[in-house]
Amino acid sequence: MLWTIFVVLLILWLLGFVGLHLLGAYIHILLIIAVVVLIIQLIQGRRVL
C-alpha cells in the first residue's frame, strides 16, 4: 500500500515538475511526506510490501 502511494505521488510530482507549476509545490510537499513515512517504516523494520 505504501509503495503504491509512493509511486502515485512520484508520478504526480514528475507531472507537476514538467508542466503544472501551480500544483508542483503541493505535490513536492506530498512527496516529501511520502518519503519520510517510507523511511520511518524502513527504520522500524516492518515489511513495506
PDB file of N, CA and C in Angstrom:
ATOM      1  N   MET A   1       0.815  -1.186   0.000  1.00  0.00           N
ATOM      2  CA  MET A   1       0.000   0.000   0.000  1.00  0.00           C
ATOM      3  C   MET A   1       0.862   1.254   0.000  1.00  0.00           C
ATOM      4  N   LEU A   2       1.889   1.255   0.839  1.00  0.00           N
ATOM      5  CA  LEU A   2       2.772   2.412   0.922  1.00  0.00           C
ATOM      6  C   LEU A   2       3.536   2.616  -0.380  1.00  0.00           C
ATOM      7  N   TRP A   3       3.957   1.521  -0.986  1.00  0.00           N
ATOM      8  CA  TRP A   3       4.684   1.633  -2.258  1.00  0.00           C
ATOM      9  C   TRP A   3       3.770   2.186  -3.350  1.00  0.00           C
ATOM     10  N   THR A   4       2.505   1.816  -3.332  1.00  0.00           N
ATOM     11  CA  THR A   4       1.552   2.321  -4.319  1.00  0.00           C
ATOM     12  C   THR A   4       1.383   3.826  -4.167  1.00  0.00           C
ATOM     13  N   ILE A   5       1.225   4.285  -2.943  1.00  0.00           N
ATOM     14  CA  ILE A   5       1.100   5.719  -2.693  1.00  0.00           C
ATOM     15  C   ILE A   5       2.374   6.437  -3.126  1.00  0.00           C
ATOM     16  N   PHE A   6       3.509   5.855  -2.819  1.00  0.00           N
ATOM     17  CA  PHE A   6       4.794   6.449  -3.184  1.00  0.00           C
ATOM     18  C   PHE A   6       4.928   6.591  -4.698  1.00  0.00           C
ATOM     19  N   VAL A   7       4.568   5.557  -5.437  1.00  0.00           N
ATOM     20  CA  VAL A   7       4.671   5.593  -6.900  1.00  0.00           C
ATOM     21  C   VAL A   7       3.701   6.616  -7.493  1.00  0.00           C
ATOM     22  N   VAL A   8       2.480   6.654  -6.974  1.00  0.00           N
ATOM     23  CA  VAL A   8       1.497   7.626  -7.477  1.00  0.00           C
ATOM     24  C   VAL A   8       1.987   9.043  -7.223  1.00  0.00           C
ATOM     25  N   LEU A   9       2.484   9.305  -6.024  1.00  0.00           N
ATOM     26  CA  LEU A   9       2.987  10.640  -5.721  1.00  0.00           C
ATOM     27  C   LEU A   9       4.202  10.988  -6.567  1.00  0.00           C
ATOM     28  N   LEU A  10       5.037  10.010  -6.840  1.00  0.00           N
ATOM     29  CA  LEU A  10       6.203  10.254  -7.688  1.00  0.00           C
ATOM     30  C   LEU A  10       5.780  10.628  -9.099  1.00  0.00           C
ATOM     31  N   ILE A  11       4.803   9.935  -9.640  1.00  0.00           N
ATOM     32  CA  ILE A  11       4.303  10.253 -10.979  1.00  0.00           C
ATOM     33  C   ILE A  11       3.664  11.636 -11.000  1.00  0.00           C
ATOM     34  N   LEU A  12       2.845  11.941  -9.991  1.00  0.00           N
ATOM     35  CA  LEU A  12       2.230  13.264  -9.917  1.00  0.00           C
ATOM     36  C   LEU A  12       3.278  14.357  -9.772  1.00  0.00           C
ATOM     37  N   TRP A  13       4.333  14.072  -9.001  1.00  0.00           N
ATOM     38  CA  TRP A  13       5.404  15.041  -8.811  1.00  0.00           C
ATOM     39  C   TRP A  13       6.115  15.307 -10.138  1.00  0.00           C
ATOM     40  N   LEU A  14       6.376  14.243 -10.885  1.00  0.00           N
ATOM     41  CA  LEU A  14       7.026  14.419 -12.185  1.00  0.00           C
ATOM     42  C   LEU A  14       6.154  15.223 -13.140  1.00  0.00           C
ATOM     43  N   LEU A  15       4.856  14.964 -13.140  1.00  0.00           N
ATOM     44  CA  LEU A  15       3.937  15.743 -13.974  1.00  0.00           C
ATOM     45  C   LEU A  15       3.927  17.208 -13.544  1.00  0.00           C
ATOM     46  N   GLY A  16       3.901  17.445 -12.259  1.00  0.00           N
ATOM     47  CA  GLY A  16       3.927  18.807 -11.746  1.00  0.00           C
ATOM     48  C   GLY A  16       5.238  19.505 -12.045  1.00  0.00           C
ATOM     49  N   PHE A  17       6.322  18.751 -11.990  1.00  0.00           N
ATOM     50  CA  PHE A  17       7.643  19.324 -12.254  1.00  0.00           C
ATOM     51  C   PHE A  17       7.775  19.714 -13.716  1.00  0.00           C
ATOM     52  N   VAL A  18       7.178  18.935 -14.602  1.00  0.00           N
ATOM     53  CA  VAL A  18       7.295  19.187 -16.035  1.00  0.00           C
ATOM     54  C   VAL A  18       6.354  20.287 -16.498  1.00  0.00           C
ATOM     55  N   GLY A  19       5.086  20.248 -16.073  1.00  0.00           N
ATOM     56  CA  GLY A  19       4.152  21.176 -16.677  1.00  0.00           C
ATOM     57  C   GLY A  19       3.251  21.972 -15.768  1.00  0.00           C
ATOM     58  N   LEU A  20       2.905  21.460 -14.627  1.00  0.00           N
ATOM     59  CA  LEU A  20       1.917  22.126 -13.790  1.00  0.00           C
ATOM     60  C   LEU A  20       2.605  22.805 -12.609  1.00  0.00           C
ATOM     61  N   HIS A  21       3.092  24.012 -12.842  1.00  0.00           N
ATOM     62  CA  HIS A  21       3.888  24.681 -11.815  1.00  0.00           C
ATOM     63  C   HIS A  21       3.052  25.076 -10.599  1.00  0.00           C
ATOM     64  N   LEU A  22       1.774  25.322 -10.781  1.00  0.00           N
ATOM     65  CA  LEU A  22       0.932  25.709  -9.646  1.00  0.00           C
ATOM     66  C   LEU A  22       0.736  24.560  -8.671  1.00  0.00           C
ATOM     67  N   LEU A  23       0.558  23.361  -9.192  1.00  0.00           N
ATOM     68  CA  LEU A  23       0.371  22.195  -8.324  1.00  0.00           C
ATOM     69  C   LEU A  23       1.692  21.597  -7.871  1.00  0.00           C
ATOM     70  N   GLY A  24       2.766  22.035  -8.476  1.00  0.00           N
ATOM     71  CA  GLY A  24       4.080  21.467  -8.180  1.00  0.00           C
ATOM     72  C   GLY A  24       4.461  21.564  -6.713  1.00  0.00           C
ATOM     73  N   ALA A  25       4.190  22.701  -6.091  1.00  0.00           N
ATOM     74  CA  ALA A  25       4.567  22.884  -4.682  1.00  0.00           C
ATOM     75  C   ALA A  25       3.815  21.908  -3.784  1.00  0.00           C
ATOM     76  N   TYR A  26       2.527  21.732  -4.038  1.00  0.00           N
ATOM     77  CA  TYR A  26       1.743  20.802  -3.226  1.00  0.00           C
ATOM     78  C   TYR A  26       2.218  19.372  -3.417  1.00  0.00           C
ATOM     79  N   ILE A  27       2.538  19.018  -4.637  1.00  0.00           N
ATOM     80  CA  ILE A  27       2.992  17.665  -4.919  1.00  0.00           C
ATOM     81  C   ILE A  27       4.373  17.428  -4.300  1.00  0.00           C
ATOM     82  N   HIS A  28       5.229  18.449  -4.284  1.00  0.00           N
ATOM     83  CA  HIS A  28       6.527  18.319  -3.629  1.00  0.00           C
ATOM     84  C   HIS A  28       6.345  18.034  -2.139  1.00  0.00           C
ATOM     85  N   ILE A  29       5.410  18.736  -1.516  1.00  0.00           N
ATOM     86  CA  ILE A  29       5.150  18.519  -0.091  1.00  0.00           C
ATOM     87  C   ILE A  29       4.647  17.104   0.152  1.00  0.00           C
ATOM     88  N   LEU A  30       3.724  16.644  -0.690  1.00  0.00           N
ATOM     89  CA  LEU A  30       3.210  15.282  -0.541  1.00  0.00           C
ATOM     90  C   LEU A  30       4.304  14.242  -0.764  1.00  0.00           C
ATOM     91  N   LEU A  31       5.192  14.499  -1.723  1.00  0.00           N
ATOM     92  CA  LEU A  31       6.292  13.578  -1.982  1.00  0.00           C
ATOM     93  C   LEU A  31       7.240  13.510  -0.791  1.00  0.00           C
ATOM     94  N   ILE A  32       7.531  14.643  -0.201  1.00  0.00           N
ATOM     95  CA  ILE A  32       8.409  14.666   0.971  1.00  0.00           C
ATOM     96  C   ILE A  32       7.769  13.890   2.121  1.00  0.00           C
ATOM     97  N   ILE A  33       6.459  14.072   2.319  1.00  0.00           N
ATOM     98  CA  ILE A  33       5.755  13.329   3.370  1.00  0.00           C
ATOM     99  C   ILE A  33       5.821  11.828   3.097  1.00  0.00           C
ATOM    100  N   ALA A  34       5.628  11.433   1.838  1.00  0.00           N
ATOM    101  CA  ALA A  34       5.673  10.014   1.484  1.00  0.00           C
ATOM    102  C   ALA A  34       7.060   9.428   1.725  1.00  0.00           C
ATOM    103  N   VAL A  35       8.100  10.181   1.394  1.00  0.00           N
ATOM    104  CA  VAL A  35       9.469   9.697   1.616  1.00  0.00           C
ATOM    105  C   VAL A  35       9.752   9.565   3.111  1.00  0.00           C
ATOM    106  N   VAL A  36       9.306  10.528   3.902  1.00  0.00           N
ATOM    107  CA  VAL A  36       9.510  10.460   5.351  1.00  0.00           C
ATOM    108  C   VAL A  36       8.810   9.239   5.935  1.00  0.00           C
ATOM    109  N   VAL A  37       7.575   8.992   5.516  1.00  0.00           N
ATOM    110  CA  VAL A  37       6.836   7.821   6.001  1.00  0.00           C
ATOM    111  C   VAL A  37       7.548   6.535   5.578  1.00  0.00           C
ATOM    112  N   LEU A  38       8.040   6.496   4.349  1.00  0.00           N
ATOM    113  CA  LEU A  38       8.772   5.323   3.869  1.00  0.00           C
ATOM    114  C   LEU A  38      10.015   5.070   4.706  1.00  0.00           C
ATOM    115  N   ILE A  39      10.764   6.112   5.003  1.00  0.00           N
ATOM    116  CA  ILE A  39      11.981   5.969   5.812  1.00  0.00           C
ATOM    117  C   ILE A  39      11.632   5.502   7.221  1.00  0.00           C
ATOM    118  N   ILE A  40      10.580   6.055   7.803  1.00  0.00           N
ATOM    119  CA  ILE A  40      10.162   5.636   9.145  1.00  0.00           C
ATOM    120  C   ILE A  40       9.782   4.160   9.147  1.00  0.00           C
ATOM    121  N   GLN A  41       9.059   3.722   8.120  1.00  0.00           N
ATOM    122  CA  GLN A  41       8.676   2.305   8.032  1.00  0.00           C
ATOM    123  C   GLN A  41       9.903   1.409   7.905  1.00  0.00           C
ATOM    124  N   LEU A  42      10.890   1.850   7.126  1.00  0.00           N
ATOM    125  CA  LEU A  42      12.104   1.048   6.965  1.00  0.00           C
ATOM    126  C   LEU A  42      12.915   0.997   8.242  1.00  0.00           C
ATOM    127  N   ILE A  43      12.975   2.108   8.971  1.00  0.00           N
ATOM    128  CA  ILE A  43      13.718   2.147  10.227  1.00  0.00           C
ATOM    129  C   ILE A  43      13.071   1.263  11.280  1.00  0.00           C
ATOM    130  N   GLN A  44      11.743   1.243  11.297  1.00  0.00           N
ATOM    131  CA  GLN A  44      11.027   0.419  12.273  1.00  0.00           C
ATOM    132  C   GLN A  44      11.172  -1.062  11.965  1.00  0.00           C
ATOM    133  N   GLY A  45      11.587  -1.404  10.765  1.00  0.00           N
ATOM    134  CA  GLY A  45      11.831  -2.784  10.437  1.00  0.00           C
ATOM    135  C   GLY A  45      10.621  -3.566   9.988  1.00  0.00           C
ATOM    136  N   ARG A  46       9.529  -2.899   9.746  1.00  0.00           N
ATOM    137  CA  ARG A  46       8.333  -3.589   9.267  1.00  0.00           C
ATOM    138  C   ARG A  46       8.445  -3.807   7.768  1.00  0.00           C
ATOM    139  N   ARG A  47       7.769  -4.835   7.300  1.00  0.00           N
ATOM    140  CA  ARG A  47       7.749  -5.088   5.865  1.00  0.00           C
ATOM    141  C   ARG A  47       6.887  -4.034   5.187  1.00  0.00           C
ATOM    142  N   VAL A  48       7.418  -3.396   4.159  1.00  0.00           N
ATOM    143  CA  VAL A  48       6.715  -2.337   3.461  1.00  0.00           C
ATOM    144  C   VAL A  48       5.783  -2.925   2.421  1.00  0.00           C
ATOM    145  N   LEU A  49       6.177  -4.047   1.841  1.00  0.00           N
ATOM    146  CA  LEU A  49       5.352  -4.655   0.797  1.00  0.00           C
ATOM    147  C   LEU A  49       4.189  -5.255   1.438  1.00  0.00           C
TER     148      LEU A  49
END
